[in-house]
Amino acid sequence: MRQAHKSPPLPFPVARALRKLGQDLRDARRRRRIPVAILAERASISRMTLHKIEKGDAGVYIGNYAAVLFSLGLVDRLSDLADATHDAVGRELEEERLPERIRLSAPRKQTKRNPGK
């Protein structure tokens, strides 16, 4: 018998965000009046996988979520998820590590080559 691999439980905010994403995808599909079977076909996934996505299932590959976003015309938002312009903490940490002064380095000495030897 094959044992199911159990992953550790997700942090509550992550699970909540996935559920919200699933609900938002379901609502976007409904606003467009696209049946489950049609969207699943357009995204090249099964209806069961689409159902799991709309429930916010963490076990579904992110590529399947991306395919659904693409099929709904929303994939451009995916590339902005971890964009540096939205990463205030990362930018603050980076600014803390900036040098106070920047010095010019000494000019490099050029070595002469002997072209005849």
PDB file of N, CA and C in Angstrom:
ATOM      1  N   MET A   1       0.814  -1.181   0.000  1.00  0.00           N
ATOM      2  CA  MET A   1       0.000   0.000   0.000  1.00  0.00           C
ATOM      3  C   MET A   1       0.860   1.247   0.000  1.00  0.00           C
ATOM      4  N   ARG A   2       0.378   2.239  -0.682  1.00  0.00           N
ATOM      5  CA  ARG A   2       1.096   3.498  -0.762  1.00  0.00           C
ATOM      6  C   ARG A   2       0.547   4.451   0.302  1.00  0.00           C
ATOM      7  N   GLN A   3       1.444   5.053   1.058  1.00  0.00           N
ATOM      8  CA  GLN A   3       1.024   5.967   2.108  1.00  0.00           C
ATOM      9  C   GLN A   3       0.952   7.387   1.546  1.00  0.00           C
ATOM     10  N   ALA A   4      -0.065   8.110   1.941  1.00  0.00           N
ATOM     11  CA  ALA A   4      -0.194   9.501   1.516  1.00  0.00           C
ATOM     12  C   ALA A   4       0.836  10.347   2.264  1.00  0.00           C
ATOM     13  N   HIS A   5       1.474  11.214   1.525  1.00  0.00           N
ATOM     14  CA  HIS A   5       2.473  12.099   2.115  1.00  0.00           C
ATOM     15  C   HIS A   5       1.752  13.286   2.742  1.00  0.00           C
ATOM     16  N   LYS A   6       1.894  13.456   4.035  1.00  0.00           N
ATOM     17  CA  LYS A   6       1.268  14.566   4.751  1.00  0.00           C
ATOM     18  C   LYS A   6       2.265  15.716   4.840  1.00  0.00           C
ATOM     19  N   SER A   7       1.841  16.871   4.403  1.00  0.00           N
ATOM     20  CA  SER A   7       2.691  18.039   4.557  1.00  0.00           C
ATOM     21  C   SER A   7       2.318  18.732   5.867  1.00  0.00           C
ATOM     22  N   PRO A   8       3.248  19.508   6.411  1.00  0.00           N
ATOM     23  CA  PRO A   8       2.933  20.190   7.669  1.00  0.00           C
ATOM     24  C   PRO A   8       1.793  21.177   7.454  1.00  0.00           C
ATOM     25  N   PRO A   9       1.043  21.469   8.492  1.00  0.00           N
ATOM     26  CA  PRO A   9      -0.073  22.403   8.334  1.00  0.00           C
ATOM     27  C   PRO A   9       0.424  23.792   7.937  1.00  0.00           C
ATOM     28  N   LEU A  10      -0.362  24.447   7.118  1.00  0.00           N
ATOM     29  CA  LEU A  10      -0.003  25.796   6.674  1.00  0.00           C
ATOM     30  C   LEU A  10      -0.269  26.796   7.783  1.00  0.00           C
ATOM     31  N   PRO A  11       0.529  27.849   7.827  1.00  0.00           N
ATOM     32  CA  PRO A  11       0.195  28.929   8.766  1.00  0.00           C
ATOM     33  C   PRO A  11      -1.200  29.467   8.424  1.00  0.00           C
ATOM     34  N   PHE A  12      -1.940  29.853   9.427  1.00  0.00           N
ATOM     35  CA  PHE A  12      -3.311  30.299   9.232  1.00  0.00           C
ATOM     36  C   PHE A  12      -3.444  31.418   8.193  1.00  0.00           C
ATOM     37  N   PRO A  13      -2.572  32.446   8.216  1.00  0.00           N
ATOM     38  CA  PRO A  13      -2.712  33.512   7.206  1.00  0.00           C
ATOM     39  C   PRO A  13      -2.524  32.996   5.769  1.00  0.00           C
ATOM     40  N   VAL A  14      -1.678  31.987   5.595  1.00  0.00           N
ATOM     41  CA  VAL A  14      -1.456  31.420   4.255  1.00  0.00           C
ATOM     42  C   VAL A  14      -2.710  30.683   3.801  1.00  0.00           C
ATOM     43  N   ALA A  15      -3.265  29.860   4.665  1.00  0.00           N
ATOM     44  CA  ALA A  15      -4.484  29.123   4.328  1.00  0.00           C
ATOM     45  C   ALA A  15      -5.627  30.085   4.022  1.00  0.00           C
ATOM     46  N   ARG A  16      -5.734  31.145   4.801  1.00  0.00           N
ATOM     47  CA  ARG A  16      -6.786  32.135   4.577  1.00  0.00           C
ATOM     48  C   ARG A  16      -6.595  32.833   3.229  1.00  0.00           C
ATOM     49  N   ALA A  17      -5.342  33.175   2.883  1.00  0.00           N
ATOM     50  CA  ALA A  17      -5.059  33.845   1.607  1.00  0.00           C
ATOM     51  C   ALA A  17      -5.385  32.931   0.431  1.00  0.00           C
ATOM     52  N   LEU A  18      -5.076  31.631   0.562  1.00  0.00           N
ATOM     53  CA  LEU A  18      -5.402  30.685  -0.519  1.00  0.00           C
ATOM     54  C   LEU A  18      -6.911  30.538  -0.679  1.00  0.00           C
ATOM     55  N   ARG A  19      -7.626  30.485   0.441  1.00  0.00           N
ATOM     56  CA  ARG A  19      -9.098  30.409   0.350  1.00  0.00           C
ATOM     57  C   ARG A  19      -9.666  31.642  -0.336  1.00  0.00           C
ATOM     58  N   LYS A  20      -9.132  32.799   0.006  1.00  0.00           N
ATOM     59  CA  LYS A  20      -9.598  34.039  -0.620  1.00  0.00           C
ATOM     60  C   LYS A  20      -9.285  34.032  -2.112  1.00  0.00           C
ATOM     61  N   LEU A  21      -8.075  33.594  -2.473  1.00  0.00           N
ATOM     62  CA  LEU A  21      -7.718  33.507  -3.888  1.00  0.00           C
ATOM     63  C   LEU A  21      -8.680  32.587  -4.623  1.00  0.00           C
ATOM     64  N   GLY A  22      -8.972  31.443  -4.040  1.00  0.00           N
ATOM     65  CA  GLY A  22      -9.913  30.508  -4.657  1.00  0.00           C
ATOM     66  C   GLY A  22     -11.293  31.122  -4.836  1.00  0.00           C
ATOM     67  N   GLN A  23     -11.767  31.806  -3.805  1.00  0.00           N
ATOM     68  CA  GLN A  23     -13.084  32.459  -3.891  1.00  0.00           C
ATOM     69  C   GLN A  23     -13.076  33.557  -4.949  1.00  0.00           C
ATOM     70  N   ASP A  24     -11.986  34.307  -5.012  1.00  0.00           N
ATOM     71  CA  ASP A  24     -11.886  35.380  -6.003  1.00  0.00           C
ATOM     72  C   ASP A  24     -11.868  34.804  -7.426  1.00  0.00           C
ATOM     73  N   LEU A  25     -11.174  33.679  -7.611  1.00  0.00           N
ATOM     74  CA  LEU A  25     -11.154  33.042  -8.933  1.00  0.00           C
ATOM     75  C   LEU A  25     -12.540  32.520  -9.304  1.00  0.00           C
ATOM     76  N   ARG A  26     -13.221  31.931  -8.326  1.00  0.00           N
ATOM     77  CA  ARG A  26     -14.582  31.458  -8.578  1.00  0.00           C
ATOM     78  C   ARG A  26     -15.494  32.615  -8.956  1.00  0.00           C
ATOM     79  N   ASP A  27     -15.393  33.725  -8.214  1.00  0.00           N
ATOM     80  CA  ASP A  27     -16.219  34.891  -8.504  1.00  0.00           C
ATOM     81  C   ASP A  27     -15.901  35.474  -9.881  1.00  0.00           C
ATOM     82  N   ALA A  28     -14.614  35.494 -10.244  1.00  0.00           N
ATOM     83  CA  ALA A  28     -14.225  36.009 -11.570  1.00  0.00           C
ATOM     84  C   ALA A  28     -14.803  35.122 -12.668  1.00  0.00           C
ATOM     85  N   ARG A  29     -14.783  33.811 -12.454  1.00  0.00           N
ATOM     86  CA  ARG A  29     -15.369  32.882 -13.438  1.00  0.00           C
ATOM     87  C   ARG A  29     -16.865  33.127 -13.571  1.00  0.00           C
ATOM     88  N   ARG A  30     -17.528  33.304 -12.440  1.00  0.00           N
ATOM     89  CA  ARG A  30     -18.978  33.527 -12.458  1.00  0.00           C
ATOM     90  C   ARG A  30     -19.334  34.863 -13.101  1.00  0.00           C
ATOM     91  N   ARG A  31     -18.558  35.908 -12.808  1.00  0.00           N
ATOM     92  CA  ARG A  31     -18.829  37.213 -13.427  1.00  0.00           C
ATOM     93  C   ARG A  31     -18.726  37.123 -14.950  1.00  0.00           C
ATOM     94  N   ARG A  32     -17.819  36.281 -15.423  1.00  0.00           N
ATOM     95  CA  ARG A  32     -17.639  36.093 -16.860  1.00  0.00           C
ATOM     96  C   ARG A  32     -18.641  35.089 -17.435  1.00  0.00           C
ATOM     97  N   ARG A  33     -19.423  34.484 -16.547  1.00  0.00           N
ATOM     98  CA  ARG A  33     -20.425  33.478 -16.928  1.00  0.00           C
ATOM     99  C   ARG A  33     -19.790  32.310 -17.698  1.00  0.00           C
ATOM    100  N   ILE A  34     -18.655  31.850 -17.159  1.00  0.00           N
ATOM    101  CA  ILE A  34     -17.949  30.716 -17.752  1.00  0.00           C
ATOM    102  C   ILE A  34     -18.255  29.474 -16.923  1.00  0.00           C
ATOM    103  N   PRO A  35     -18.802  28.426 -17.524  1.00  0.00           N
ATOM    104  CA  PRO A  35     -19.050  27.184 -16.779  1.00  0.00           C
ATOM    105  C   PRO A  35     -17.726  26.521 -16.356  1.00  0.00           C
ATOM    106  N   VAL A  36     -17.792  25.740 -15.289  1.00  0.00           N
ATOM    107  CA  VAL A  36     -16.615  25.036 -14.763  1.00  0.00           C
ATOM    108  C   VAL A  36     -15.941  24.211 -15.856  1.00  0.00           C
ATOM    109  N   ALA A  37     -16.719  23.456 -16.619  1.00  0.00           N
ATOM    110  CA  ALA A  37     -16.152  22.574 -17.643  1.00  0.00           C
ATOM    111  C   ALA A  37     -15.372  23.367 -18.693  1.00  0.00           C
ATOM    112  N   ILE A  38     -15.879  24.518 -19.077  1.00  0.00           N
ATOM    113  CA  ILE A  38     -15.217  25.340 -20.107  1.00  0.00           C
ATOM    114  C   ILE A  38     -13.908  25.923 -19.565  1.00  0.00           C
ATOM    115  N   LEU A  39     -13.948  26.472 -18.352  1.00  0.00           N
ATOM    116  CA  LEU A  39     -12.727  27.047 -17.784  1.00  0.00           C
ATOM    117  C   LEU A  39     -11.676  25.972 -17.562  1.00  0.00           C
ATOM    118  N   ALA A  40     -12.092  24.814 -17.086  1.00  0.00           N
ATOM    119  CA  ALA A  40     -11.146  23.718 -16.879  1.00  0.00           C
ATOM    120  C   ALA A  40     -10.497  23.328 -18.209  1.00  0.00           C
ATOM    121  N   GLU A  41     -11.287  23.270 -19.259  1.00  0.00           N
ATOM    122  CA  GLU A  41     -10.744  22.921 -20.583  1.00  0.00           C
ATOM    123  C   GLU A  41      -9.766  23.990 -21.063  1.00  0.00           C
ATOM    124  N   ARG A  42     -10.124  25.254 -20.905  1.00  0.00           N
ATOM    125  CA  ARG A  42      -9.246  26.350 -21.330  1.00  0.00           C
ATOM    126  C   ARG A  42      -7.933  26.360 -20.565  1.00  0.00           C
ATOM    127  N   ALA A  43      -7.983  25.987 -19.289  1.00  0.00           N
ATOM    128  CA  ALA A  43      -6.778  25.963 -18.453  1.00  0.00           C
ATOM    129  C   ALA A  43      -6.031  24.634 -18.553  1.00  0.00           C
ATOM    130  N   SER A  44      -6.572  23.694 -19.326  1.00  0.00           N
ATOM    131  CA  SER A  44      -5.966  22.354 -19.497  1.00  0.00           C
ATOM    132  C   SER A  44      -5.821  21.621 -18.170  1.00  0.00           C
ATOM    133  N   ILE A  45      -6.855  21.707 -17.345  1.00  0.00           N
ATOM    134  CA  ILE A  45      -6.880  20.990 -16.073  1.00  0.00           C
ATOM    135  C   ILE A  45      -8.223  20.268 -15.972  1.00  0.00           C
ATOM    136  N   SER A  46      -8.328  19.370 -15.011  1.00  0.00           N
ATOM    137  CA  SER A  46      -9.594  18.658 -14.817  1.00  0.00           C
ATOM    138  C   SER A  46     -10.579  19.545 -14.047  1.00  0.00           C
ATOM    139  N   ARG A  47     -11.838  19.191 -14.127  1.00  0.00           N
ATOM    140  CA  ARG A  47     -12.847  19.923 -13.365  1.00  0.00           C
ATOM    141  C   ARG A  47     -12.594  19.778 -11.872  1.00  0.00           C
ATOM    142  N   MET A  48     -12.111  18.606 -11.450  1.00  0.00           N
ATOM    143  CA  MET A  48     -11.810  18.383 -10.031  1.00  0.00           C
ATOM    144  C   MET A  48     -10.686  19.311  -9.562  1.00  0.00           C
ATOM    145  N   THR A  49      -9.667  19.495 -10.411  1.00  0.00           N
ATOM    146  CA  THR A  49      -8.575  20.407 -10.052  1.00  0.00           C
ATOM    147  C   THR A  49      -9.092  21.831  -9.952  1.00  0.00           C
ATOM    148  N   LEU A  50      -9.939  22.235 -10.868  1.00  0.00           N
ATOM    149  CA  LEU A  50     -10.530  23.575 -10.802  1.00  0.00           C
ATOM    150  C   LEU A  50     -11.351  23.724  -9.524  1.00  0.00           C
ATOM    151  N   HIS A  51     -12.093  22.696  -9.174  1.00  0.00           N
ATOM    152  CA  HIS A  51     -12.874  22.733  -7.932  1.00  0.00           C
ATOM    153  C   HIS A  51     -11.942  22.932  -6.733  1.00  0.00           C
ATOM    154  N   LYS A  52     -10.808  22.225  -6.717  1.00  0.00           N
ATOM    155  CA  LYS A  52      -9.844  22.370  -5.620  1.00  0.00           C
ATOM    156  C   LYS A  52      -9.257  23.778  -5.585  1.00  0.00           C
ATOM    157  N   ILE A  53      -8.973  24.332  -6.774  1.00  0.00           N
ATOM    158  CA  ILE A  53      -8.438  25.698  -6.851  1.00  0.00           C
ATOM    159  C   ILE A  53      -9.438  26.684  -6.277  1.00  0.00           C
ATOM    160  N   GLU A  54     -10.698  26.526  -6.649  1.00  0.00           N
ATOM    161  CA  GLU A  54     -11.723  27.447  -6.162  1.00  0.00           C
ATOM    162  C   GLU A  54     -11.981  27.290  -4.668  1.00  0.00           C
ATOM    163  N   LYS A  55     -11.546  26.175  -4.081  1.00  0.00           N
ATOM    164  CA  LYS A  55     -11.624  25.986  -2.623  1.00  0.00           C
ATOM    165  C   LYS A  55     -10.367  26.503  -1.928  1.00  0.00           C
ATOM    166  N   GLY A  56      -9.310  26.818  -2.708  1.00  0.00           N
ATOM    167  CA  GLY A  56      -8.054  27.292  -2.129  1.00  0.00           C
ATOM    168  C   GLY A  56      -7.164  26.179  -1.639  1.00  0.00           C
ATOM    169  N   ASP A  57      -7.243  25.026  -2.270  1.00  0.00           N
ATOM    170  CA  ASP A  57      -6.451  23.855  -1.879  1.00  0.00           C
ATOM    171  C   ASP A  57      -4.960  24.124  -2.080  1.00  0.00           C
ATOM    172  N   ALA A  58      -4.172  23.947  -1.016  1.00  0.00           N
ATOM    173  CA  ALA A  58      -2.734  24.193  -1.068  1.00  0.00           C
ATOM    174  C   ALA A  58      -1.977  23.092  -1.797  1.00  0.00           C
ATOM    175  N   GLY A  59      -2.620  21.949  -2.035  1.00  0.00           N
ATOM    176  CA  GLY A  59      -1.950  20.844  -2.700  1.00  0.00           C
ATOM    177  C   GLY A  59      -1.946  20.942  -4.212  1.00  0.00           C
ATOM    178  N   VAL A  60      -2.585  21.966  -4.761  1.00  0.00           N
ATOM    179  CA  VAL A  60      -2.638  22.142  -6.214  1.00  0.00           C
ATOM    180  C   VAL A  60      -1.392  22.905  -6.650  1.00  0.00           C
ATOM    181  N   TYR A  61      -0.781  22.448  -7.746  1.00  0.00           N
ATOM    182  CA  TYR A  61       0.419  23.108  -8.256  1.00  0.00           C
ATOM    183  C   TYR A  61       0.138  24.568  -8.581  1.00  0.00           C
ATOM    184  N   ILE A  62       1.107  25.420  -8.307  1.00  0.00           N
ATOM    185  CA  ILE A  62       0.939  26.845  -8.583  1.00  0.00           C
ATOM    186  C   ILE A  62       0.760  27.085 -10.085  1.00  0.00           C
ATOM    187  N   GLY A  63       1.323  26.202 -10.904  1.00  0.00           N
ATOM    188  CA  GLY A  63       1.146  26.328 -12.341  1.00  0.00           C
ATOM    189  C   GLY A  63      -0.310  26.204 -12.755  1.00  0.00           C
ATOM    190  N   ASN A  64      -1.063  25.389 -12.037  1.00  0.00           N
ATOM    191  CA  ASN A  64      -2.493  25.259 -12.330  1.00  0.00           C
ATOM    192  C   ASN A  64      -3.247  26.531 -11.937  1.00  0.00           C
ATOM    193  N   TYR A  65      -2.868  27.119 -10.806  1.00  0.00           N
ATOM    194  CA  TYR A  65      -3.459  28.404 -10.441  1.00  0.00           C
ATOM    195  C   TYR A  65      -3.150  29.431 -11.535  1.00  0.00           C
ATOM    196  N   ALA A  66      -1.897  29.440 -12.018  1.00  0.00           N
ATOM    197  CA  ALA A  66      -1.490  30.390 -13.059  1.00  0.00           C
ATOM    198  C   ALA A  66      -2.266  30.153 -14.352  1.00  0.00           C
ATOM    199  N   ALA A  67      -2.520  28.896 -14.697  1.00  0.00           N
ATOM    200  CA  ALA A  67      -3.278  28.588 -15.913  1.00  0.00           C
ATOM    201  C   ALA A  67      -4.704  29.115 -15.811  1.00  0.00           C
ATOM    202  N   VAL A  68      -5.298  29.018 -14.632  1.00  0.00           N
ATOM    203  CA  VAL A  68      -6.646  29.546 -14.436  1.00  0.00           C
ATOM    204  C   VAL A  68      -6.619  31.072 -14.523  1.00  0.00           C
ATOM    205  N   LEU A  69      -5.638  31.699 -13.893  1.00  0.00           N
ATOM    206  CA  LEU A  69      -5.505  33.151 -13.989  1.00  0.00           C
ATOM    207  C   LEU A  69      -5.369  33.578 -15.449  1.00  0.00           C
ATOM    208  N   PHE A  70      -4.555  32.857 -16.210  1.00  0.00           N
ATOM    209  CA  PHE A  70      -4.373  33.166 -17.623  1.00  0.00           C
ATOM    210  C   PHE A  70      -5.688  33.030 -18.386  1.00  0.00           C
ATOM    211  N   SER A  71      -6.397  31.962 -18.122  1.00  0.00           N
ATOM    212  CA  SER A  71      -7.663  31.714 -18.813  1.00  0.00           C
ATOM    213  C   SER A  71      -8.712  32.772 -18.496  1.00  0.00           C
ATOM    214  N   LEU A  72      -8.584  33.402 -17.339  1.00  0.00           N
ATOM    215  CA  LEU A  72      -9.516  34.467 -16.956  1.00  0.00           C
ATOM    216  C   LEU A  72      -9.001  35.856 -17.346  1.00  0.00           C
ATOM    217  N   GLY A  73      -7.804  35.906 -17.931  1.00  0.00           N
ATOM    218  CA  GLY A  73      -7.230  37.194 -18.323  1.00  0.00           C
ATOM    219  C   GLY A  73      -6.625  37.963 -17.173  1.00  0.00           C
ATOM    220  N   LEU A  74      -6.214  37.262 -16.121  1.00  0.00           N
ATOM    221  CA  LEU A  74      -5.680  37.917 -14.925  1.00  0.00           C
ATOM    222  C   LEU A  74      -4.231  37.558 -14.632  1.00  0.00           C
ATOM    223  N   VAL A  75      -3.537  36.915 -15.549  1.00  0.00           N
ATOM    224  CA  VAL A  75      -2.187  36.402 -15.267  1.00  0.00           C
ATOM    225  C   VAL A  75      -1.162  37.517 -15.059  1.00  0.00           C
ATOM    226  N   ASP A  76      -1.389  38.702 -15.610  1.00  0.00           N
ATOM    227  CA  ASP A  76      -0.426  39.781 -15.443  1.00  0.00           C
ATOM    228  C   ASP A  76      -0.248  40.171 -13.976  1.00  0.00           C
ATOM    229  N   ARG A  77      -1.246  39.953 -13.170  1.00  0.00           N
ATOM    230  CA  ARG A  77      -1.160  40.268 -11.739  1.00  0.00           C
ATOM    231  C   ARG A  77      -0.240  39.294 -11.015  1.00  0.00           C
ATOM    232  N   LEU A  78      -0.065  38.096 -11.548  1.00  0.00           N
ATOM    233  CA  LEU A  78       0.775  37.085 -10.905  1.00  0.00           C
ATOM    234  C   LEU A  78       2.228  37.538 -10.819  1.00  0.00           C
ATOM    235  N   SER A  79       2.710  38.194 -11.858  1.00  0.00           N
ATOM    236  CA  SER A  79       4.109  38.617 -11.865  1.00  0.00           C
ATOM    237  C   SER A  79       4.401  39.732 -10.874  1.00  0.00           C
ATOM    238  N   ASP A  80       3.368  40.374 -10.344  1.00  0.00           N
ATOM    239  CA  ASP A  80       3.560  41.461  -9.391  1.00  0.00           C
ATOM    240  C   ASP A  80       3.532  41.013  -7.929  1.00  0.00           C
ATOM    241  N   LEU A  81       3.297  39.736  -7.674  1.00  0.00           N
ATOM    242  CA  LEU A  81       3.129  39.286  -6.293  1.00  0.00           C
ATOM    243  C   LEU A  81       4.323  39.616  -5.402  1.00  0.00           C
ATOM    244  N   ALA A  82       5.522  39.336  -5.854  1.00  0.00           N
ATOM    245  CA  ALA A  82       6.705  39.578  -5.028  1.00  0.00           C
ATOM    246  C   ALA A  82       7.578  40.676  -5.615  1.00  0.00           C
ATOM    247  N   ASP A  83       6.990  41.559  -6.400  1.00  0.00           N
ATOM    248  CA  ASP A  83       7.709  42.656  -7.033  1.00  0.00           C
ATOM    249  C   ASP A  83       8.345  43.534  -5.954  1.00  0.00           C
ATOM    250  N   ALA A  84       9.552  43.999  -6.211  1.00  0.00           N
ATOM    251  CA  ALA A  84      10.290  44.808  -5.237  1.00  0.00           C
ATOM    252  C   ALA A  84       9.558  46.101  -4.888  1.00  0.00           C
ATOM    253  N   THR A  85       8.762  46.613  -5.799  1.00  0.00           N
ATOM    254  CA  THR A  85       8.042  47.856  -5.502  1.00  0.00           C
ATOM    255  C   THR A  85       6.991  47.659  -4.417  1.00  0.00           C
ATOM    256  N   HIS A  86       6.576  46.423  -4.189  1.00  0.00           N
ATOM    257  CA  HIS A  86       5.590  46.118  -3.160  1.00  0.00           C
ATOM    258  C   HIS A  86       6.240  45.537  -1.900  1.00  0.00           C
ATOM    259  N   ASP A  87       7.567  45.445  -1.879  1.00  0.00           N
ATOM    260  CA  ASP A  87       8.291  44.819  -0.766  1.00  0.00           C
ATOM    261  C   ASP A  87       8.900  45.887   0.135  1.00  0.00           C
ATOM    262  N   ALA A  88       8.070  46.511   0.951  1.00  0.00           N
ATOM    263  CA  ALA A  88       8.536  47.599   1.809  1.00  0.00           C
ATOM    264  C   ALA A  88       9.591  47.123   2.810  1.00  0.00           C
ATOM    265  N   VAL A  89       9.404  45.954   3.394  1.00  0.00           N
ATOM    266  CA  VAL A  89      10.361  45.437   4.383  1.00  0.00           C
ATOM    267  C   VAL A  89      11.712  45.182   3.727  1.00  0.00           C
ATOM    268  N   GLY A  90      11.696  44.547   2.572  1.00  0.00           N
ATOM    269  CA  GLY A  90      12.949  44.262   1.862  1.00  0.00           C
ATOM    270  C   GLY A  90      13.692  45.528   1.476  1.00  0.00           C
ATOM    271  N   ARG A  91      12.949  46.550   1.036  1.00  0.00           N
ATOM    272  CA  ARG A  91      13.585  47.819   0.660  1.00  0.00           C
ATOM    273  C   ARG A  91      14.183  48.515   1.883  1.00  0.00           C
ATOM    274  N   GLU A  92      13.485  48.462   3.018  1.00  0.00           N
ATOM    275  CA  GLU A  92      14.014  49.078   4.234  1.00  0.00           C
ATOM    276  C   GLU A  92      15.296  48.377   4.686  1.00  0.00           C
ATOM    277  N   LEU A  93      15.301  47.054   4.633  1.00  0.00           N
ATOM    278  CA  LEU A  93      16.504  46.309   5.007  1.00  0.00           C
ATOM    279  C   LEU A  93      17.658  46.624   4.071  1.00  0.00           C
ATOM    280  N   GLU A  94      17.368  46.743   2.801  1.00  0.00           N
ATOM    281  CA  GLU A  94      18.400  47.067   1.820  1.00  0.00           C
ATOM    282  C   GLU A  94      18.964  48.459   2.079  1.00  0.00           C
ATOM    283  N   GLU A  95      18.107  49.410   2.413  1.00  0.00           N
ATOM    284  CA  GLU A  95      18.561  50.774   2.681  1.00  0.00           C
ATOM    285  C   GLU A  95      19.435  50.849   3.921  1.00  0.00           C
ATOM    286  N   GLU A  96      19.170  49.990   4.913  1.00  0.00           N
ATOM    287  CA  GLU A  96      19.999  49.968   6.124  1.00  0.00           C
ATOM    288  C   GLU A  96      21.417  49.537   5.810  1.00  0.00           C
ATOM    289  N   ARG A  97      21.599  48.732   4.781  1.00  0.00           N
ATOM    290  CA  ARG A  97      22.920  48.203   4.438  1.00  0.00           C
ATOM    291  C   ARG A  97      23.663  49.072   3.431  1.00  0.00           C
ATOM    292  N   LEU A  98      23.079  50.179   3.018  1.00  0.00           N
ATOM    293  CA  LEU A  98      23.775  51.048   2.074  1.00  0.00           C
ATOM    294  C   LEU A  98      24.971  51.689   2.750  1.00  0.00           C
ATOM    295  N   PRO A  99      26.081  51.838   2.039  1.00  0.00           N
ATOM    296  CA  PRO A  99      27.254  52.480   2.652  1.00  0.00           C
ATOM    297  C   PRO A  99      26.996  53.961   2.888  1.00  0.00           C
ATOM    298  N   GLU A 100      27.635  54.488   3.931  1.00  0.00           N
ATOM    299  CA  GLU A 100      27.480  55.904   4.233  1.00  0.00           C
ATOM    300  C   GLU A 100      28.275  56.756   3.256  1.00  0.00           C
ATOM    301  N   ARG A 101      29.446  56.267   2.881  1.00  0.00           N
ATOM    302  CA  ARG A 101      30.299  56.986   1.939  1.00  0.00           C
ATOM    303  C   ARG A 101      30.739  56.037   0.847  1.00  0.00           C
ATOM    304  N   ILE A 102      30.920  56.595  -0.310  1.00  0.00           N
ATOM    305  CA  ILE A 102      31.460  55.818  -1.429  1.00  0.00           C
ATOM    306  C   ILE A 102      32.719  56.533  -1.887  1.00  0.00           C
ATOM    307  N   ARG A 103      33.820  55.813  -1.883  1.00  0.00           N
ATOM    308  CA  ARG A 103      35.111  56.404  -2.258  1.00  0.00           C
ATOM    309  C   ARG A 103      35.494  55.926  -3.642  1.00  0.00           C
ATOM    310  N   LEU A 104      36.160  56.802  -4.342  1.00  0.00           N
ATOM    311  CA  LEU A 104      36.692  56.416  -5.644  1.00  0.00           C
ATOM    312  C   LEU A 104      37.917  55.545  -5.420  1.00  0.00           C
ATOM    313  N   SER A 105      38.055  54.539  -6.230  1.00  0.00           N
ATOM    314  CA  SER A 105      39.234  53.690  -6.104  1.00  0.00           C
ATOM    315  C   SER A 105      40.398  54.338  -6.837  1.00  0.00           C
ATOM    316  N   ALA A 106      41.602  53.985  -6.440  1.00  0.00           N
ATOM    317  CA  ALA A 106      42.804  54.521  -7.072  1.00  0.00           C
ATOM    318  C   ALA A 106      42.851  54.053  -8.523  1.00  0.00           C
ATOM    319  N   PRO A 107      43.343  54.901  -9.408  1.00  0.00           N
ATOM    320  CA  PRO A 107      43.415  54.492 -10.812  1.00  0.00           C
ATOM    321  C   PRO A 107      44.351  53.289 -10.961  1.00  0.00           C
ATOM    322  N   ARG A 108      43.985  52.424 -11.864  1.00  0.00           N
ATOM    323  CA  ARG A 108      44.795  51.221 -12.094  1.00  0.00           C
ATOM    324  C   ARG A 108      46.050  51.573 -12.878  1.00  0.00           C
ATOM    325  N   LYS A 109      47.132  50.885 -12.548  1.00  0.00           N
ATOM    326  CA  LYS A 109      48.373  51.071 -13.285  1.00  0.00           C
ATOM    327  C   LYS A 109      48.308  50.209 -14.526  1.00  0.00           C
ATOM    328  N   GLN A 110      48.690  50.801 -15.623  1.00  0.00           N
ATOM    329  CA  GLN A 110      48.705  50.047 -16.872  1.00  0.00           C
ATOM    330  C   GLN A 110      50.100  49.490 -17.076  1.00  0.00           C
ATOM    331  N   THR A 111      50.158  48.225 -17.413  1.00  0.00           N
ATOM    332  CA  THR A 111      51.454  47.588 -17.672  1.00  0.00           C
ATOM    333  C   THR A 111      51.748  47.672 -19.155  1.00  0.00           C
ATOM    334  N   LYS A 112      53.009  47.910 -19.431  1.00  0.00           N
ATOM    335  CA  LYS A 112      53.427  47.987 -20.824  1.00  0.00           C
ATOM    336  C   LYS A 112      53.815  46.598 -21.309  1.00  0.00           C
ATOM    337  N   ARG A 113      53.371  46.295 -22.483  1.00  0.00           N
ATOM    338  CA  ARG A 113      53.738  45.003 -23.071  1.00  0.00           C
ATOM    339  C   ARG A 113      54.842  45.227 -24.096  1.00  0.00           C
ATOM    340  N   ASN A 114      55.656  44.234 -24.214  1.00  0.00           N
ATOM    341  CA  ASN A 114      56.699  44.281 -25.225  1.00  0.00           C
ATOM    342  C   ASN A 114      56.180  43.561 -26.456  1.00  0.00           C
ATOM    343  N   PRO A 115      55.762  44.318 -27.477  1.00  0.00           N
ATOM    344  CA  PRO A 115      55.190  43.668 -28.646  1.00  0.00           C
ATOM    345  C   PRO A 115      56.209  42.880 -29.461  1.00  0.00           C
ATOM    346  N   GLY A 116      57.497  43.165 -29.323  1.00  0.00           N
ATOM    347  CA  GLY A 116      58.506  42.502 -30.133  1.00  0.00           C
ATOM    348  C   GLY A 116      58.958  41.175 -29.563  1.00  0.00           C
ATOM    349  N   LYS A 117      58.695  40.841 -28.356  1.00  0.00           N
ATOM    350  CA  LYS A 117      59.220  39.617 -27.749  1.00  0.00           C
ATOM    351  C   LYS A 117      58.180  38.590 -27.589  1.00  0.00           C
TER     352      LYS A 117
END
